[in-house]
């Protein structure tokens, strides 16, 4: 397994954030796409577009498999702050330092939710 930052995904996330296409407060377990959502997205948009929703890729896997793409951050419409937090935490626990830094850098661009 060779996990590396996926520049197309990181750039896509940054572009969406720049366009204010993000959700500040969500539960990632509810917001992340289901397998059916993923399959529908791939059928409609293709593998290259699918990959842009992930911060990293496993270069030992085929480009046209879900196993290739790691650390999702959005719902195929917007970036979720909770998705970036989940990616950062998982990357940190698995010692993927460059992915952790990428998620952290993107998190700095998304405002925190307002206190209730």
N, C-alpha and C. Protein backbone atom coordinates (compact mmCIF):
# COMPACT_ATOMS: atom_id res chain seq x y z
N UNK A 1 0.85 -1.18 0.00
CA UNK A 1 0.00 0.00 0.00
C UNK A 1 0.89 1.24 0.00
N UNK A 2 0.60 2.14 -0.92
CA UNK A 2 1.38 3.38 -1.04
C UNK A 2 0.41 4.56 -1.04
N UNK A 3 0.17 5.12 0.14
CA UNK A 3 -0.77 6.23 0.29
C UNK A 3 -0.03 7.55 0.08
N UNK A 4 -0.56 8.35 -0.83
CA UNK A 4 0.03 9.66 -1.14
C UNK A 4 -1.07 10.71 -1.20
N UNK A 5 -0.69 11.96 -0.98
CA UNK A 5 -1.63 13.05 -1.21
C UNK A 5 -2.14 12.98 -2.63
N UNK A 6 -3.40 13.33 -2.79
CA UNK A 6 -4.03 13.36 -4.12
C UNK A 6 -4.24 14.83 -4.49
N UNK A 7 -3.29 15.42 -5.24
CA UNK A 7 -3.38 16.86 -5.53
C UNK A 7 -4.70 17.29 -6.15
N UNK A 8 -5.29 16.48 -7.01
CA UNK A 8 -6.57 16.86 -7.63
C UNK A 8 -7.66 17.00 -6.57
N UNK A 9 -7.66 16.12 -5.58
CA UNK A 9 -8.64 16.19 -4.51
C UNK A 9 -8.41 17.39 -3.61
N UNK A 10 -7.17 17.64 -3.26
CA UNK A 10 -6.83 18.78 -2.40
C UNK A 10 -7.18 20.09 -3.11
N UNK A 11 -6.84 20.18 -4.39
CA UNK A 11 -7.17 21.38 -5.16
C UNK A 11 -8.68 21.57 -5.28
N UNK A 12 -9.41 20.47 -5.47
CA UNK A 12 -10.87 20.54 -5.58
C UNK A 12 -11.47 21.05 -4.26
N UNK A 13 -10.98 20.52 -3.16
CA UNK A 13 -11.48 20.97 -1.85
C UNK A 13 -11.20 22.46 -1.66
N UNK A 14 -9.99 22.89 -1.98
CA UNK A 14 -9.63 24.31 -1.83
C UNK A 14 -10.51 25.19 -2.71
N UNK A 15 -10.76 24.75 -3.93
CA UNK A 15 -11.61 25.51 -4.85
C UNK A 15 -13.04 25.64 -4.31
N UNK A 16 -13.58 24.55 -3.79
CA UNK A 16 -14.93 24.59 -3.22
C UNK A 16 -14.99 25.52 -2.01
N UNK A 17 -13.97 25.45 -1.17
CA UNK A 17 -13.93 26.32 0.01
C UNK A 17 -13.85 27.77 -0.43
N UNK A 18 -13.03 28.07 -1.42
CA UNK A 18 -12.92 29.44 -1.94
C UNK A 18 -14.26 29.95 -2.46
N UNK A 19 -15.11 29.05 -2.93
CA UNK A 19 -16.43 29.42 -3.46
C UNK A 19 -17.52 29.32 -2.38
N UNK A 20 -17.10 29.17 -1.12
CA UNK A 20 -18.03 29.03 0.01
C UNK A 20 -18.94 27.82 -0.12
N UNK A 21 -18.46 26.78 -0.76
CA UNK A 21 -19.23 25.54 -0.92
C UNK A 21 -18.79 24.56 0.17
N UNK A 22 -19.17 24.88 1.42
CA UNK A 22 -18.80 24.02 2.54
C UNK A 22 -19.91 24.03 3.58
N UNK A 23 -19.86 23.01 4.42
CA UNK A 23 -20.78 22.88 5.55
C UNK A 23 -19.94 22.96 6.81
N UNK A 24 -20.23 23.96 7.64
CA UNK A 24 -19.43 24.16 8.85
C UNK A 24 -19.76 23.15 9.95
N UNK A 25 -21.02 22.76 10.05
CA UNK A 25 -21.45 21.94 11.17
C UNK A 25 -22.29 20.77 10.66
N UNK A 26 -21.73 19.58 10.67
CA UNK A 26 -22.46 18.38 10.26
C UNK A 26 -21.89 17.19 11.01
N UNK A 27 -22.64 16.12 11.02
CA UNK A 27 -22.19 14.85 11.57
C UNK A 27 -21.68 14.04 10.39
N UNK A 28 -20.38 13.81 10.32
CA UNK A 28 -19.79 13.15 9.16
C UNK A 28 -20.37 11.76 8.94
N UNK A 29 -20.73 11.06 9.99
CA UNK A 29 -21.30 9.72 9.80
C UNK A 29 -22.63 9.78 9.05
N UNK A 30 -23.33 10.90 9.16
CA UNK A 30 -24.58 11.09 8.41
C UNK A 30 -24.34 11.74 7.05
N UNK A 31 -23.34 12.61 6.97
CA UNK A 31 -23.12 13.41 5.76
C UNK A 31 -22.36 12.68 4.66
N UNK A 32 -21.49 11.75 5.05
CA UNK A 32 -20.67 11.10 4.03
C UNK A 32 -21.53 10.26 3.09
N UNK A 33 -21.14 10.23 1.83
CA UNK A 33 -21.93 9.50 0.84
C UNK A 33 -21.99 8.00 1.15
N UNK A 34 -23.13 7.41 0.85
CA UNK A 34 -23.29 5.96 1.00
C UNK A 34 -22.64 5.26 -0.20
N UNK A 35 -22.56 3.97 -0.14
CA UNK A 35 -22.02 3.20 -1.27
C UNK A 35 -22.86 3.44 -2.52
N UNK A 36 -24.17 3.48 -2.34
CA UNK A 36 -25.05 3.74 -3.49
C UNK A 36 -24.80 5.13 -4.06
N UNK A 37 -24.62 6.12 -3.17
CA UNK A 37 -24.31 7.48 -3.63
C UNK A 37 -23.01 7.49 -4.43
N UNK A 38 -22.01 6.77 -3.92
CA UNK A 38 -20.72 6.68 -4.63
C UNK A 38 -20.90 6.05 -6.00
N UNK A 39 -21.61 4.95 -6.05
CA UNK A 39 -21.82 4.26 -7.32
C UNK A 39 -22.57 5.14 -8.32
N UNK A 40 -23.60 5.83 -7.84
CA UNK A 40 -24.36 6.72 -8.72
C UNK A 40 -23.47 7.85 -9.24
N UNK A 41 -22.61 8.39 -8.37
CA UNK A 41 -21.72 9.48 -8.78
C UNK A 41 -20.73 8.99 -9.83
N UNK A 42 -20.16 7.82 -9.61
CA UNK A 42 -19.22 7.25 -10.58
C UNK A 42 -19.92 7.02 -11.92
N UNK A 43 -21.12 6.46 -11.89
CA UNK A 43 -21.87 6.20 -13.13
C UNK A 43 -22.14 7.49 -13.89
N UNK A 44 -22.45 8.55 -13.16
CA UNK A 44 -22.81 9.82 -13.79
C UNK A 44 -21.61 10.68 -14.20
N UNK A 45 -20.54 10.65 -13.39
CA UNK A 45 -19.42 11.58 -13.59
C UNK A 45 -18.08 10.92 -13.93
N UNK A 46 -17.94 9.64 -13.66
CA UNK A 46 -16.70 8.94 -13.96
C UNK A 46 -15.72 8.91 -12.81
N UNK A 47 -14.67 8.12 -12.98
CA UNK A 47 -13.69 7.89 -11.93
C UNK A 47 -12.86 9.11 -11.61
N UNK A 48 -12.48 9.88 -12.62
CA UNK A 48 -11.64 11.05 -12.37
C UNK A 48 -12.37 12.05 -11.47
N UNK A 49 -13.64 12.30 -11.75
CA UNK A 49 -14.43 13.22 -10.92
C UNK A 49 -14.61 12.65 -9.52
N UNK A 50 -14.84 11.34 -9.42
CA UNK A 50 -14.99 10.69 -8.13
C UNK A 50 -13.73 10.90 -7.27
N UNK A 51 -12.58 10.70 -7.87
CA UNK A 51 -11.31 10.83 -7.15
C UNK A 51 -11.07 12.22 -6.58
N UNK A 52 -11.67 13.23 -7.17
CA UNK A 52 -11.47 14.60 -6.69
C UNK A 52 -12.11 14.86 -5.34
N UNK A 53 -12.85 13.91 -4.82
CA UNK A 53 -13.49 14.06 -3.51
C UNK A 53 -12.70 13.37 -2.40
N UNK A 54 -11.43 13.07 -2.68
CA UNK A 54 -10.57 12.36 -1.73
C UNK A 54 -9.22 13.07 -1.62
N UNK A 55 -8.70 13.13 -0.39
CA UNK A 55 -7.44 13.83 -0.14
C UNK A 55 -6.22 12.99 -0.48
N UNK A 56 -6.39 11.67 -0.59
CA UNK A 56 -5.25 10.79 -0.82
C UNK A 56 -5.64 9.66 -1.76
N UNK A 57 -4.61 9.00 -2.26
CA UNK A 57 -4.84 7.84 -3.10
C UNK A 57 -3.79 6.78 -2.80
N UNK A 58 -4.20 5.54 -2.99
CA UNK A 58 -3.30 4.40 -2.84
C UNK A 58 -2.82 4.06 -4.24
N UNK A 59 -1.60 4.44 -4.54
CA UNK A 59 -1.08 4.28 -5.90
C UNK A 59 -0.85 2.82 -6.28
N UNK A 60 -0.96 1.91 -5.33
CA UNK A 60 -0.82 0.49 -5.67
C UNK A 60 -2.15 -0.09 -6.17
N UNK A 61 -3.22 0.68 -6.09
CA UNK A 61 -4.54 0.23 -6.54
C UNK A 61 -4.86 0.82 -7.91
N UNK A 62 -5.69 0.12 -8.66
CA UNK A 62 -6.13 0.58 -9.97
C UNK A 62 -6.91 1.89 -9.84
N UNK A 63 -6.72 2.80 -10.80
CA UNK A 63 -7.40 4.10 -10.76
C UNK A 63 -8.91 3.98 -10.85
N UNK A 64 -9.40 2.90 -11.39
CA UNK A 64 -10.85 2.75 -11.54
C UNK A 64 -11.41 1.76 -10.52
N UNK A 65 -10.98 1.95 -9.25
CA UNK A 65 -11.53 1.20 -8.13
C UNK A 65 -11.68 2.13 -6.95
N UNK A 66 -12.65 1.86 -6.12
CA UNK A 66 -12.84 2.67 -4.91
C UNK A 66 -11.67 2.51 -3.96
N UNK A 67 -11.00 1.37 -4.00
CA UNK A 67 -9.86 1.12 -3.11
C UNK A 67 -8.72 2.12 -3.35
N UNK A 68 -8.70 2.73 -4.50
CA UNK A 68 -7.64 3.69 -4.85
C UNK A 68 -7.75 4.96 -4.00
N UNK A 69 -8.96 5.39 -3.67
CA UNK A 69 -9.18 6.72 -3.11
C UNK A 69 -9.43 6.66 -1.60
N UNK A 70 -8.72 7.52 -0.88
CA UNK A 70 -8.73 7.50 0.59
C UNK A 70 -9.01 8.90 1.14
N UNK A 71 -9.58 8.94 2.30
CA UNK A 71 -9.83 10.17 3.05
C UNK A 71 -10.80 11.12 2.34
N UNK A 72 -12.08 10.72 2.31
CA UNK A 72 -13.11 11.58 1.71
C UNK A 72 -13.34 12.82 2.56
N UNK A 73 -13.85 13.88 1.92
CA UNK A 73 -14.06 15.14 2.64
C UNK A 73 -15.39 15.81 2.32
N UNK A 74 -16.18 15.26 1.43
CA UNK A 74 -17.41 15.94 1.04
C UNK A 74 -18.51 14.99 0.62
N UNK A 75 -19.63 15.59 0.24
CA UNK A 75 -20.83 14.84 -0.11
C UNK A 75 -21.14 14.88 -1.61
N UNK A 76 -20.13 15.15 -2.43
CA UNK A 76 -20.24 15.29 -3.88
C UNK A 76 -20.91 16.60 -4.28
N UNK A 77 -21.11 17.50 -3.33
CA UNK A 77 -21.59 18.85 -3.62
C UNK A 77 -20.77 19.89 -2.86
N UNK A 78 -20.48 19.57 -1.59
CA UNK A 78 -19.79 20.52 -0.73
C UNK A 78 -18.76 19.83 0.14
N UNK A 79 -17.80 20.61 0.60
CA UNK A 79 -16.83 20.14 1.58
C UNK A 79 -17.53 20.16 2.95
N UNK A 80 -17.27 19.16 3.75
CA UNK A 80 -17.78 19.14 5.12
C UNK A 80 -16.61 19.29 6.08
N UNK A 81 -16.71 20.28 6.95
CA UNK A 81 -15.68 20.48 7.97
C UNK A 81 -15.49 19.20 8.76
N UNK A 82 -16.59 18.52 9.06
CA UNK A 82 -16.52 17.26 9.81
C UNK A 82 -15.76 16.19 9.02
N UNK A 83 -15.88 16.20 7.69
CA UNK A 83 -15.14 15.26 6.86
C UNK A 83 -13.64 15.53 6.90
N UNK A 84 -13.28 16.81 6.90
CA UNK A 84 -11.87 17.18 7.01
C UNK A 84 -11.31 16.79 8.37
N UNK A 85 -12.10 16.99 9.42
CA UNK A 85 -11.67 16.60 10.77
C UNK A 85 -11.46 15.09 10.83
N UNK A 86 -12.42 14.33 10.30
CA UNK A 86 -12.29 12.87 10.29
C UNK A 86 -11.06 12.43 9.50
N UNK A 87 -10.81 13.05 8.36
CA UNK A 87 -9.64 12.71 7.54
C UNK A 87 -8.35 13.03 8.30
N UNK A 88 -8.31 14.19 8.94
CA UNK A 88 -7.12 14.58 9.70
C UNK A 88 -6.85 13.59 10.83
N UNK A 89 -7.90 13.24 11.58
CA UNK A 89 -7.72 12.33 12.71
C UNK A 89 -7.28 10.94 12.24
N UNK A 90 -7.93 10.44 11.20
CA UNK A 90 -7.57 9.11 10.72
C UNK A 90 -6.16 9.09 10.14
N UNK A 91 -5.82 10.13 9.37
CA UNK A 91 -4.48 10.20 8.79
C UNK A 91 -3.43 10.26 9.90
N UNK A 92 -3.73 11.02 10.95
CA UNK A 92 -2.79 11.11 12.07
C UNK A 92 -2.63 9.79 12.78
N UNK A 93 -3.73 9.08 13.01
CA UNK A 93 -3.65 7.80 13.72
C UNK A 93 -2.95 6.73 12.89
N UNK A 94 -2.99 6.88 11.56
CA UNK A 94 -2.34 5.91 10.67
C UNK A 94 -0.97 6.39 10.19
N UNK A 95 -0.53 7.52 10.72
CA UNK A 95 0.80 8.09 10.44
C UNK A 95 1.02 8.48 8.98
N UNK A 96 -0.04 9.00 8.35
CA UNK A 96 0.08 9.57 7.01
C UNK A 96 0.22 11.08 7.20
N UNK A 97 1.43 11.49 7.53
CA UNK A 97 1.68 12.87 7.95
C UNK A 97 1.32 13.90 6.88
N UNK A 98 1.62 13.62 5.63
CA UNK A 98 1.34 14.61 4.58
C UNK A 98 -0.17 14.76 4.37
N UNK A 99 -0.91 13.68 4.51
CA UNK A 99 -2.37 13.76 4.38
C UNK A 99 -2.94 14.52 5.58
N UNK A 100 -2.41 14.25 6.75
CA UNK A 100 -2.85 14.96 7.95
C UNK A 100 -2.62 16.46 7.80
N UNK A 101 -1.45 16.84 7.28
CA UNK A 101 -1.15 18.28 7.07
C UNK A 101 -2.09 18.88 6.03
N UNK A 102 -2.36 18.16 4.96
CA UNK A 102 -3.27 18.67 3.92
C UNK A 102 -4.65 18.92 4.50
N UNK A 103 -5.16 17.97 5.28
CA UNK A 103 -6.48 18.15 5.91
C UNK A 103 -6.45 19.33 6.87
N UNK A 104 -5.39 19.46 7.63
CA UNK A 104 -5.27 20.56 8.59
C UNK A 104 -5.23 21.91 7.86
N UNK A 105 -4.48 21.98 6.77
CA UNK A 105 -4.40 23.23 5.99
C UNK A 105 -5.78 23.61 5.44
N UNK A 106 -6.53 22.64 4.98
CA UNK A 106 -7.87 22.92 4.46
C UNK A 106 -8.82 23.32 5.60
N UNK A 107 -8.67 22.67 6.75
CA UNK A 107 -9.51 23.02 7.90
C UNK A 107 -9.34 24.49 8.30
N UNK A 108 -8.14 24.99 8.17
CA UNK A 108 -7.88 26.39 8.52
C UNK A 108 -8.67 27.35 7.63
N UNK A 109 -9.10 26.90 6.47
CA UNK A 109 -9.84 27.74 5.53
C UNK A 109 -11.35 27.74 5.76
N UNK A 110 -11.83 26.75 6.51
CA UNK A 110 -13.27 26.63 6.77
C UNK A 110 -13.58 27.21 8.15
N UNK A 111 -14.45 28.20 8.22
CA UNK A 111 -14.77 28.77 9.51
C UNK A 111 -15.39 27.74 10.46
N UNK A 112 -15.10 27.91 11.73
CA UNK A 112 -15.71 27.04 12.73
C UNK A 112 -17.17 27.42 12.89
N UNK A 113 -18.00 26.46 13.29
CA UNK A 113 -19.42 26.80 13.52
C UNK A 113 -19.55 27.82 14.64
N UNK A 114 -20.58 28.65 14.55
CA UNK A 114 -20.81 29.63 15.60
C UNK A 114 -21.25 28.91 16.87
N UNK A 115 -20.84 29.45 18.01
CA UNK A 115 -21.26 28.88 19.30
C UNK A 115 -22.76 29.09 19.47
N UNK A 116 -23.41 28.12 20.02
CA UNK A 116 -24.86 28.20 20.20
C UNK A 116 -25.19 28.84 21.53
